[in-house]
Amino acid sequence: MSLTISRKLLLGYLFMAFLTVLASAFALFNLQKLSGGAYKITHHHFVLMENSKQLMDILLAQESAEKKYLILKDPELEQIFWKRSVEFQEKLTETGRLKLDRRSKGALSEMAVLHRRLKDLFSEEALLVQTGKLQEAQAISDTTGRAVIDAMAMQLRDIQKNVNQDINNEMNRIASQGRGAVHMTLGLSLLSLVLGITLALVITRNISKPLKQLQAATRLIAEGNLDHRIEARRNDEIGALANSFAHMTKRLKVLEALNLDASPLTGLPGNLAIENRIEQLLAKGKSFSLCQVDLDNFKPFADQYGYAWGSEVIKEVAGLLQGYIDEMKLKDMFLGHIGGDDYVLIGDPGQVESICKKLVVDFAGRILSYYRPEDAQKGFFIGRNRQGNVQKFPLITITAAIVTDDGSRFKNPLEMARLVAELKEYAKKMPGSNYVTEEEVERQKAVAPQNSQSTLE
């Protein structure tokens, strides 16, 4: 059979059709794999990350309830601890139903053991408190209890780090597959173009363009650009993949917002964001200051004037601190709200101290407007204490404690925060509003024994 022009064209068309089918099948296969990878990220990794963050929040709430119970001995706080314990166990069970690797399963199993240990310790503490052995209960909390909570927090942080690594690996794999799919598709399309088939151009454009967009989107999302929009209005696998990427981007933005865990009262970042910032600065090895700001005599004020008015005072302090940062244009200064009447400043040592100087001066004038004129004039108000007895309560003052490090002294944020809390308690014993640095406290402690010795002589 001779090859006529029509037959050659037919063979050419058939060969082109074969190349087109081959290119389309290869592209669709890779698109399906990309869609599967995106589905895995959005429905597994992100769920595991969100669950671990919720577990961390519940664990911190348990620890807070335990500490408050040892101080206040309030049975309601004990009930709060057990309620949080049930929530933790339920969330742990829910997380265990996910398709986890051996490493994550081991971490969850160890966390379940530690959580049971934590409940046993609290039961022991509660029994000691009820029998009046408060010091023994506190000792258990500060040693064994602290070790168990730190171990659980470490397990949760390890899970989060592992999930982040899995997400990065999956994103890199998707990007690599996207590049391979584009290159192969373009190669087959170019071979079709050699035969002069115009239809190959249409097919190439129809497949390569969205693949390039998805490849670029994968790279941008992997770099943290969550505002990039993917345009692919199609009712095929490419459109499904684009929708998966759009859903993934929305989920990433939600997780980013959760990571800030902003305070609903002040809108400032909360505990997790504060801990992450300290970890980053400690790792950089650059000198920075951690400052904790606390209101003194706030509880009697809130009891007397109402918690709504107390919330206004909390927002006032947050506004003062944010105002200083905006006024001084401190872009790298971090302001966080631990909760209640506690705030955190993290930034350049000199800038942190400058803000504290202004704060203790300005606060003394601002706080007077929140009292009745007669109370503000007297410098105190009359109210009932927790025992129901009438007594005088001083006006609210403010205390700030500053610790500075460059990553050489503290291994983790908990150690640094613990020292700041100790300095704050020391500063609270001083009259009025004050701020102290670690160096100032050390000098005062060194001078105090010498003064006592001179007095004896």
Protein backbone atom coordinates (compact mmCIF):
# COMPACT_ATOMS: atom_id res chain seq x y z
CA MET A 1 0.00 0.00 0.00
CA SER A 2 1.48 3.30 -1.16
CA LEU A 3 1.58 6.25 1.22
CA THR A 4 -0.56 8.89 -0.32
CA ILE A 5 -0.68 12.43 0.94
CA SER A 6 -4.00 11.75 2.57
CA ARG A 7 -2.61 8.62 4.15
CA LYS A 8 0.52 10.45 5.27
CA LEU A 9 -1.66 13.15 6.68
CA LEU A 10 -3.81 10.50 8.29
CA LEU A 11 -0.73 8.81 9.74
CA GLY A 12 0.55 12.18 10.79
CA TYR A 13 -2.77 12.98 12.45
CA LEU A 14 -2.81 9.59 14.11
CA PHE A 15 0.76 10.06 15.35
CA MET A 16 -0.14 13.54 16.54
CA ALA A 17 -3.25 12.15 18.21
CA PHE A 18 -1.13 9.49 19.86
CA LEU A 19 1.31 12.13 21.14
CA THR A 20 -1.60 14.28 22.25
CA VAL A 21 -3.22 11.40 24.12
CA LEU A 22 0.12 10.47 25.61
CA ALA A 23 0.82 14.04 26.72
CA SER A 24 -2.71 14.47 28.10
CA ALA A 25 -2.61 11.16 29.96
CA PHE A 26 0.78 12.01 31.48
CA ALA A 27 -0.36 15.49 32.50
CA LEU A 28 -3.66 14.29 33.96
CA PHE A 29 -1.88 11.53 35.86
CA ASN A 30 0.47 14.06 37.43
CA LEU A 31 -2.38 16.47 38.08
CA GLN A 32 -4.20 13.71 39.90
CA LYS A 33 -1.08 13.08 42.00
CA LEU A 34 -0.76 16.80 42.71
CA SER A 35 -4.42 16.96 43.71
CA GLY A 36 -3.88 13.97 46.00
CA GLY A 37 -0.91 15.71 47.61
CA ALA A 38 -2.90 18.89 48.16
CA TYR A 39 -5.77 16.85 49.63
CA LYS A 40 -3.35 15.13 52.00
CA ILE A 41 -2.01 18.49 53.20
CA THR A 42 -5.41 20.08 53.73
CA HIS A 43 -7.22 17.08 55.25
CA HIS A 44 -4.45 15.48 57.24
CA HIS A 45 -1.42 17.62 57.99
CA PHE A 46 -3.41 20.77 58.74
CA VAL A 47 -5.90 18.86 60.90
CA LEU A 48 -3.03 17.33 62.88
CA MET A 49 -1.39 20.76 63.25
CA GLU A 50 -4.64 22.36 64.46
CA ASN A 51 -5.32 19.51 66.90
CA SER A 52 -1.82 19.81 68.37
CA LYS A 53 -2.31 23.55 68.89
CA GLN A 54 -5.65 22.91 70.61
CA LEU A 55 -4.00 20.28 72.81
CA MET A 56 -1.34 22.82 73.76
CA ASP A 57 -4.03 25.39 74.65
CA ILE A 58 -5.89 22.86 76.81
CA LEU A 59 -2.64 21.79 78.52
CA LEU A 60 -1.83 25.43 79.35
CA ALA A 61 -5.37 25.88 80.69
CA GLN A 62 -4.92 22.81 82.91
CA GLU A 63 -1.64 24.14 84.22
CA SER A 64 -3.21 27.54 84.92
CA ALA A 65 -6.13 25.93 86.79
CA GLU A 66 -3.71 23.83 88.85
CA LYS A 67 -1.54 26.81 89.82
CA LYS A 68 -4.55 28.94 90.74
CA TYR A 69 -6.05 26.10 92.76
CA LEU A 70 -2.88 25.75 94.86
CA ILE A 71 -3.06 29.48 95.60
CA LEU A 72 -6.80 30.05 96.00
CA LYS A 73 -7.87 26.51 97.03
CA ASP A 74 -11.14 27.13 95.20
CA PRO A 75 -13.10 23.90 94.43
CA GLU A 76 -14.34 25.48 91.20
CA LEU A 77 -10.77 25.66 89.96
CA GLU A 78 -10.41 21.96 90.71
CA GLN A 79 -13.51 21.28 88.58
CA ILE A 80 -12.05 23.42 85.79
CA PHE A 81 -8.89 21.30 85.86
CA TRP A 82 -10.87 18.07 85.49
CA LYS A 83 -13.03 19.56 82.77
CA ARG A 84 -9.93 20.55 80.79
CA SER A 85 -8.56 17.07 81.45
CA VAL A 86 -11.61 15.50 79.79
CA GLU A 87 -11.27 17.91 76.86
CA PHE A 88 -7.59 16.99 76.49
CA GLN A 89 -8.37 13.27 76.47
CA GLU A 90 -11.16 13.71 73.91
CA LYS A 91 -8.94 15.76 71.60
CA LEU A 92 -6.12 13.24 72.05
CA THR A 93 -8.47 10.39 71.08
CA GLU A 94 -9.73 12.36 68.08
CA THR A 95 -6.15 12.99 66.94
CA GLY A 96 -5.31 9.31 67.31
CA ARG A 97 -7.97 8.44 64.71
CA LEU A 98 -5.98 10.25 62.01
CA LYS A 99 -3.67 8.37 59.68
CA LEU A 100 -0.46 8.97 61.61
CA ASP A 101 3.06 7.75 61.03
CA ARG A 102 4.85 5.65 63.63
CA ARG A 103 6.62 8.68 65.06
CA SER A 104 3.41 10.64 65.71
CA LYS A 105 1.63 7.57 67.10
CA GLY A 106 4.48 7.05 69.55
CA ALA A 107 4.32 10.70 70.62
CA LEU A 108 0.55 10.47 71.22
CA SER A 109 0.92 7.24 73.20
CA GLU A 110 3.60 8.78 75.40
CA MET A 111 1.46 11.90 75.83
CA ALA A 112 -1.48 9.75 76.99
CA VAL A 113 0.76 8.16 79.64
CA LEU A 114 2.04 11.56 80.75
CA HIS A 115 -1.49 12.94 80.91
CA ARG A 116 -2.60 10.12 83.18
CA ARG A 117 0.44 10.87 85.33
CA LEU A 118 -0.55 14.55 85.43
CA LYS A 119 -4.07 13.66 86.61
CA ASP A 120 -2.67 11.40 89.32
CA LEU A 121 -0.35 14.17 90.52
CA PHE A 122 -3.18 16.68 90.66
CA SER A 123 -5.33 14.25 92.63
CA GLU A 124 -2.46 13.90 95.08
CA GLU A 125 -2.05 17.69 95.25
CA ALA A 126 -5.77 18.19 95.83
CA LEU A 127 -5.73 15.69 98.70
CA LEU A 128 -2.74 17.46 100.28
CA VAL A 129 -4.46 20.83 99.94
CA GLN A 130 -7.61 19.49 101.58
CA THR A 131 -5.55 18.18 104.50
CA GLY A 132 -3.74 21.51 104.88
CA LYS A 133 -0.39 20.30 103.51
CA LEU A 134 -0.08 23.16 101.03
CA GLN A 135 3.71 23.25 100.94
CA GLU A 136 3.92 19.56 100.05
CA ALA A 137 1.34 20.04 97.29
CA GLN A 138 3.29 23.02 95.94
CA ALA A 139 6.49 21.00 95.98
CA ILE A 140 4.88 18.28 93.86
CA SER A 141 3.58 20.90 91.42
CA ASP A 142 6.96 22.65 91.11
CA THR A 143 8.97 19.46 90.57
CA THR A 144 7.22 16.37 89.26
CA GLY A 145 4.20 18.26 87.91
CA ARG A 146 6.36 20.80 86.10
CA ALA A 147 8.48 18.01 84.57
CA VAL A 148 5.37 16.18 83.28
CA ILE A 149 3.88 19.35 81.76
CA ASP A 150 7.20 20.27 80.15
CA ALA A 151 7.47 16.76 78.69
CA MET A 152 3.94 16.97 77.25
CA ALA A 153 4.60 20.43 75.83
CA MET A 154 7.82 19.13 74.26
CA GLN A 155 5.93 16.25 72.64
CA LEU A 156 3.35 18.67 71.20
CA ARG A 157 6.06 20.97 69.87
CA ASP A 158 7.81 17.99 68.30
CA ILE A 159 4.57 16.98 66.57
CA GLN A 160 4.13 20.52 65.25
CA LYS A 161 7.71 20.63 63.98
CA ASN A 162 7.30 17.24 62.32
CA VAL A 163 4.04 18.31 60.68
CA ASN A 164 5.68 21.51 59.40
CA GLN A 165 8.49 19.41 57.95
CA ASP A 166 5.99 17.03 56.33
CA ILE A 167 4.12 19.98 54.81
CA ASN A 168 7.35 21.42 53.40
CA ASN A 169 8.36 18.03 51.98
CA GLU A 170 4.93 17.55 50.41
CA MET A 171 4.97 21.06 48.94
CA ASN A 172 8.46 20.49 47.48
CA ARG A 173 7.29 17.17 46.02
CA ILE A 174 4.27 18.84 44.44
CA ALA A 175 6.49 21.57 42.97
CA SER A 176 8.92 18.97 41.60
CA GLN A 177 6.11 16.93 40.04
CA GLY A 178 4.64 20.09 38.55
CA ARG A 179 7.94 21.02 36.92
CA GLY A 180 8.37 17.47 35.55
CA ALA A 181 4.85 17.45 34.17
CA VAL A 182 5.37 20.81 32.48
CA HIS A 183 8.67 19.78 30.91
CA MET A 184 7.35 16.46 29.59
CA THR A 185 4.15 18.02 28.28
CA LEU A 186 6.09 20.75 26.50
CA GLY A 187 8.48 18.20 24.99
CA LEU A 188 5.68 16.08 23.55
CA SER A 189 3.89 19.16 22.30
CA LEU A 190 7.01 20.43 20.55
CA LEU A 191 7.36 17.07 18.79
CA SER A 192 3.80 17.49 17.55
CA LEU A 193 4.63 20.99 16.33
CA VAL A 194 7.45 19.54 14.17
CA LEU A 195 4.77 17.68 12.21
CA GLY A 196 2.98 21.00 11.67
CA ILE A 197 -0.13 20.19 13.58
CA THR A 198 -1.82 23.35 14.78
CA LEU A 199 -4.02 21.38 17.11
CA ALA A 200 -0.97 20.50 19.17
CA LEU A 201 -0.52 24.19 19.98
CA VAL A 202 -4.06 24.35 21.34
CA ILE A 203 -3.56 21.27 23.46
CA THR A 204 -0.18 22.48 24.73
CA ARG A 205 -1.58 25.84 25.68
CA ASN A 206 -4.60 24.21 27.22
CA ILE A 207 -2.47 22.06 29.52
CA SER A 208 0.88 23.84 30.02
CA LYS A 209 -0.52 27.24 31.01
CA PRO A 210 -2.50 26.08 34.06
CA LEU A 211 0.34 23.77 35.03
CA LYS A 212 2.74 26.72 35.04
CA GLN A 213 0.30 28.71 37.12
CA LEU A 214 -0.01 25.89 39.62
CA GLN A 215 3.75 25.44 39.70
CA ALA A 216 4.22 29.17 40.41
CA ALA A 217 1.43 29.05 42.98
CA THR A 218 3.08 26.09 44.70
CA ARG A 219 6.36 27.97 44.96
CA LEU A 220 4.75 31.18 46.21
CA ILE A 221 2.65 29.36 48.81
CA ALA A 222 5.71 27.40 49.97
CA GLU A 223 7.47 30.77 50.44
CA GLY A 224 4.61 32.05 52.60
CA ASN A 225 2.69 34.23 50.10
CA LEU A 226 -0.82 33.25 51.15
CA ASP A 227 -2.51 36.13 49.27
CA HIS A 228 -1.65 34.74 45.82
CA ARG A 229 -4.78 33.98 43.81
CA ILE A 230 -5.00 30.95 41.48
CA GLU A 231 -7.09 31.60 38.38
CA ALA A 232 -8.34 28.33 36.88
CA ARG A 233 -12.07 28.38 36.15
CA ARG A 234 -12.41 24.85 34.84
CA ASN A 235 -14.59 21.85 35.50
CA ASP A 236 -11.81 19.26 35.15
CA GLU A 237 -8.88 17.94 37.16
CA ILE A 238 -7.01 21.21 36.74
CA GLY A 239 -9.94 23.12 38.16
CA ALA A 240 -10.23 20.62 41.02
CA LEU A 241 -6.54 21.02 41.77
CA ALA A 242 -6.88 24.82 41.66
CA ASN A 243 -9.79 24.60 44.08
CA SER A 244 -7.73 22.35 46.36
CA PHE A 245 -4.90 24.89 46.30
CA ALA A 246 -7.33 27.72 47.04
CA HIS A 247 -8.79 25.71 49.94
CA MET A 248 -5.27 24.92 51.15
CA THR A 249 -4.38 28.63 51.08
CA LYS A 250 -7.47 29.51 53.13
CA ARG A 251 -6.62 26.80 55.65
CA LEU A 252 -3.06 28.11 55.90
CA LYS A 253 -4.34 31.61 56.62
CA VAL A 254 -6.66 30.22 59.29
CA LEU A 255 -3.77 28.35 60.91
CA GLU A 256 -1.63 31.48 60.72
CA ALA A 257 -4.35 33.41 62.52
CA LEU A 258 -4.67 30.62 65.12
CA ASN A 259 -0.93 30.73 65.66
CA LEU A 260 -1.27 34.36 66.72
CA ASP A 261 -4.03 33.34 69.14
CA ALA A 262 -4.87 36.99 69.65
CA SER A 263 -6.52 38.12 72.87
CA PRO A 264 -10.24 38.82 72.27
CA LEU A 265 -10.10 41.77 74.68
CA THR A 266 -7.04 43.64 73.38
CA GLY A 267 -6.47 42.01 70.00
CA LEU A 268 -2.82 41.40 70.96
CA PRO A 269 -0.96 38.12 70.27
CA GLY A 270 -1.23 35.49 73.01
CA ASN A 271 0.94 32.84 74.63
CA LEU A 272 1.87 30.75 71.58
CA ALA A 273 2.91 33.76 69.51
CA ILE A 274 4.92 35.08 72.48
CA GLU A 275 6.72 31.75 72.91
CA ASN A 276 7.45 31.53 69.17
CA ARG A 277 8.94 35.03 69.11
CA ILE A 278 11.24 34.28 72.08
CA GLU A 279 12.35 31.01 70.46
CA GLN A 280 13.20 32.81 67.22
CA LEU A 281 15.23 35.52 68.98
CA LEU A 282 17.08 33.01 71.16
CA ALA A 283 18.01 31.06 68.03
CA LYS A 284 19.32 34.19 66.26
CA GLY A 285 21.80 34.91 69.05
CA LYS A 286 21.04 38.65 68.99
CA SER A 287 20.61 40.54 72.26
CA PHE A 288 16.99 41.30 73.14
CA SER A 289 14.89 42.03 76.21
CA LEU A 290 11.83 40.22 77.53
CA CYS A 291 9.65 42.45 79.71
CA GLN A 292 6.55 41.40 81.65
CA VAL A 293 4.13 44.14 82.68
CA ASP A 294 1.62 43.48 85.45
CA LEU A 295 -1.05 45.51 87.27
CA ASP A 296 -0.89 45.58 91.08
CA ASN A 297 -4.09 45.69 93.20
CA PHE A 298 -6.20 45.00 90.12
CA LYS A 299 -8.37 42.28 91.67
CA PRO A 300 -9.80 44.47 94.48
CA PHE A 301 -10.46 47.21 91.91
CA ALA A 302 -12.37 44.82 89.64
CA ASP A 303 -14.37 43.47 92.59
CA GLN A 304 -15.32 46.99 93.68
CA TYR A 305 -15.90 48.68 90.30
CA GLY A 306 -16.94 45.68 88.23
CA TYR A 307 -15.13 43.54 85.69
CA ALA A 308 -16.45 45.58 82.76
CA TRP A 309 -14.65 48.61 84.16
CA GLY A 310 -11.64 46.39 84.88
CA SER A 311 -11.59 45.39 81.21
CA GLU A 312 -11.37 49.06 80.29
CA VAL A 313 -8.26 49.39 82.45
CA ILE A 314 -6.70 46.37 80.72
CA LYS A 315 -7.44 47.91 77.31
CA GLU A 316 -6.07 51.24 78.52
CA VAL A 317 -2.69 49.68 79.35
CA ALA A 318 -2.61 47.88 76.01
CA GLY A 319 -3.40 51.17 74.28
CA LEU A 320 -0.62 52.96 76.16
CA LEU A 321 1.96 50.33 75.18
CA GLN A 322 0.84 50.19 71.56
CA GLY A 323 0.82 53.99 71.45
CA TYR A 324 4.46 54.14 72.55
CA ILE A 325 5.42 51.60 69.89
CA ASP A 326 3.59 53.55 67.17
CA GLU A 327 4.94 56.88 68.38
CA MET A 328 8.54 55.64 68.40
CA LYS A 329 7.98 53.70 65.12
CA LEU A 330 9.39 50.47 66.56
CA LYS A 331 8.63 47.99 63.76
CA ASP A 332 10.50 45.12 65.44
CA MET A 333 8.94 45.63 68.88
CA PHE A 334 6.58 42.78 69.85
CA LEU A 335 3.64 43.45 72.18
CA GLY A 336 1.67 40.51 73.54
CA HIS A 337 -1.11 39.88 76.05
CA ILE A 338 -0.59 36.82 78.25
CA GLY A 339 -4.08 37.19 79.67
CA GLY A 340 -5.77 39.06 82.49
CA ASP A 341 -3.63 42.03 83.50
CA ASP A 342 -0.29 40.65 82.23
CA TYR A 343 1.46 41.94 79.11
CA VAL A 344 4.75 41.18 77.38
CA LEU A 345 7.21 43.37 75.47
CA ILE A 346 9.97 41.78 73.38
CA GLY A 347 12.54 43.85 71.51
CA ASP A 348 15.69 45.93 71.63
CA PRO A 349 16.87 46.34 75.28
CA GLY A 350 17.17 50.11 75.12
CA GLN A 351 13.79 50.54 73.46
CA VAL A 352 12.06 48.23 75.95
CA GLU A 353 13.47 50.18 78.90
CA SER A 354 12.42 53.51 77.31
CA ILE A 355 8.84 52.25 77.02
CA CYS A 356 8.85 51.11 80.66
CA LYS A 357 10.08 54.52 81.83
CA LYS A 358 7.23 56.27 80.04
CA LEU A 359 4.70 53.70 81.19
CA VAL A 360 5.30 54.01 84.95
CA VAL A 361 5.08 57.80 84.67
CA ASP A 362 2.01 58.03 82.42
CA PHE A 363 0.05 55.27 84.13
CA ALA A 364 -0.06 57.08 87.47
CA GLY A 365 -2.05 59.90 85.85
CA ARG A 366 -4.21 57.76 83.57
CA ILE A 367 -5.45 55.38 86.25
CA LEU A 368 -6.99 58.15 88.38
CA SER A 369 -9.72 58.71 85.77
CA TYR A 370 -11.04 55.19 86.41
CA TYR A 371 -11.78 55.87 90.10
CA ARG A 372 -14.50 57.89 91.70
CA PRO A 373 -13.19 61.40 92.44
CA GLU A 374 -13.26 60.87 96.20
CA ASP A 375 -11.33 57.61 95.93
CA ALA A 376 -8.77 59.13 93.59
CA GLN A 377 -8.27 62.08 95.96
CA LYS A 378 -7.80 59.85 99.02
CA GLY A 379 -5.46 57.46 97.20
CA PHE A 380 -7.47 54.41 98.28
CA PHE A 381 -11.00 53.05 98.45
CA ILE A 382 -12.99 51.13 101.03
CA GLY A 383 -14.16 47.65 100.09
CA ARG A 384 -14.61 44.14 101.35
CA ASN A 385 -11.90 41.51 101.08
CA ARG A 386 -12.51 37.87 100.27
CA GLN A 387 -13.36 37.13 103.90
CA GLY A 388 -16.07 39.79 103.77
CA ASN A 389 -14.22 42.22 106.05
CA VAL A 390 -14.12 45.93 105.28
CA GLN A 391 -10.63 47.31 104.61
CA LYS A 392 -8.69 49.92 102.66
CA PHE A 393 -7.36 49.02 99.23
CA PRO A 394 -4.64 51.07 97.51
CA LEU A 395 -5.00 52.36 93.95
CA ILE A 396 -3.78 50.28 91.04
CA THR A 397 -0.07 50.56 90.27
CA ILE A 398 1.99 48.98 87.54
CA THR A 399 5.10 46.79 87.69
CA ALA A 400 7.45 45.81 84.86
CA ALA A 401 10.40 43.40 84.98
CA ILE A 402 13.05 43.15 82.24
CA VAL A 403 15.46 40.31 81.43
CA THR A 404 17.98 40.52 78.58
CA ASP A 405 19.75 37.68 76.75
CA ASP A 406 21.39 36.85 73.43
CA GLY A 407 20.64 33.12 73.46
CA SER A 408 23.68 32.21 75.53
CA ARG A 409 21.98 31.77 78.93
CA PHE A 410 18.47 30.46 78.36
CA LYS A 411 17.77 27.24 76.49
CA ASN A 412 14.08 27.91 75.94
CA PRO A 413 11.37 30.55 76.50
CA LEU A 414 10.13 28.87 79.69
CA GLU A 415 13.45 29.46 81.49
CA MET A 416 13.55 33.11 80.45
CA ALA A 417 9.91 33.67 81.38
CA ARG A 418 10.45 32.05 84.77
CA LEU A 419 13.24 34.53 85.64
CA VAL A 420 11.11 37.47 84.49
CA ALA A 421 8.31 36.28 86.78
CA GLU A 422 10.71 36.12 89.74
CA LEU A 423 11.92 39.67 89.07
CA LYS A 424 8.34 40.86 88.78
CA GLU A 425 7.45 39.41 92.18
CA TYR A 426 10.49 41.15 93.65
CA ALA A 427 9.46 44.47 92.08
CA LYS A 428 5.88 44.14 93.38
CA LYS A 429 7.21 44.53 96.91
CA MET A 430 8.39 48.04 96.05
CA PRO A 431 5.94 50.92 96.62
CA GLY A 432 4.17 52.60 93.70
CA SER A 433 4.66 51.90 90.01
CA ASN A 434 8.10 50.58 89.11
CA TYR A 435 10.13 48.80 86.51
CA VAL A 436 13.26 46.79 87.27
CA THR A 437 15.98 45.10 85.26
CA GLU A 438 17.83 41.97 86.21
CA GLU A 439 21.01 43.99 86.84
CA GLU A 440 19.24 46.43 89.17
CA VAL A 441 17.74 43.63 91.24
CA GLU A 442 21.11 41.91 91.57
CA ARG A 443 22.71 45.17 92.76
CA GLN A 444 19.95 45.73 95.32
CA LYS A 445 20.29 42.18 96.63
CA ALA A 446 24.04 42.64 96.90
CA VAL A 447 23.72 45.96 98.76
CA ALA A 448 21.07 44.73 101.22
CA PRO A 449 23.38 42.27 103.12
CA GLN A 450 26.10 44.91 103.30
CA ASN A 451 23.69 47.43 104.82
CA SER A 452 22.56 44.84 107.37
CA GLN A 453 26.20 44.12 108.29
CA SER A 454 26.94 47.83 108.70
CA THR A 455 23.93 48.22 110.99
CA LEU A 456 25.11 45.37 113.19
CA GLU A 457 28.59 46.84 113.46
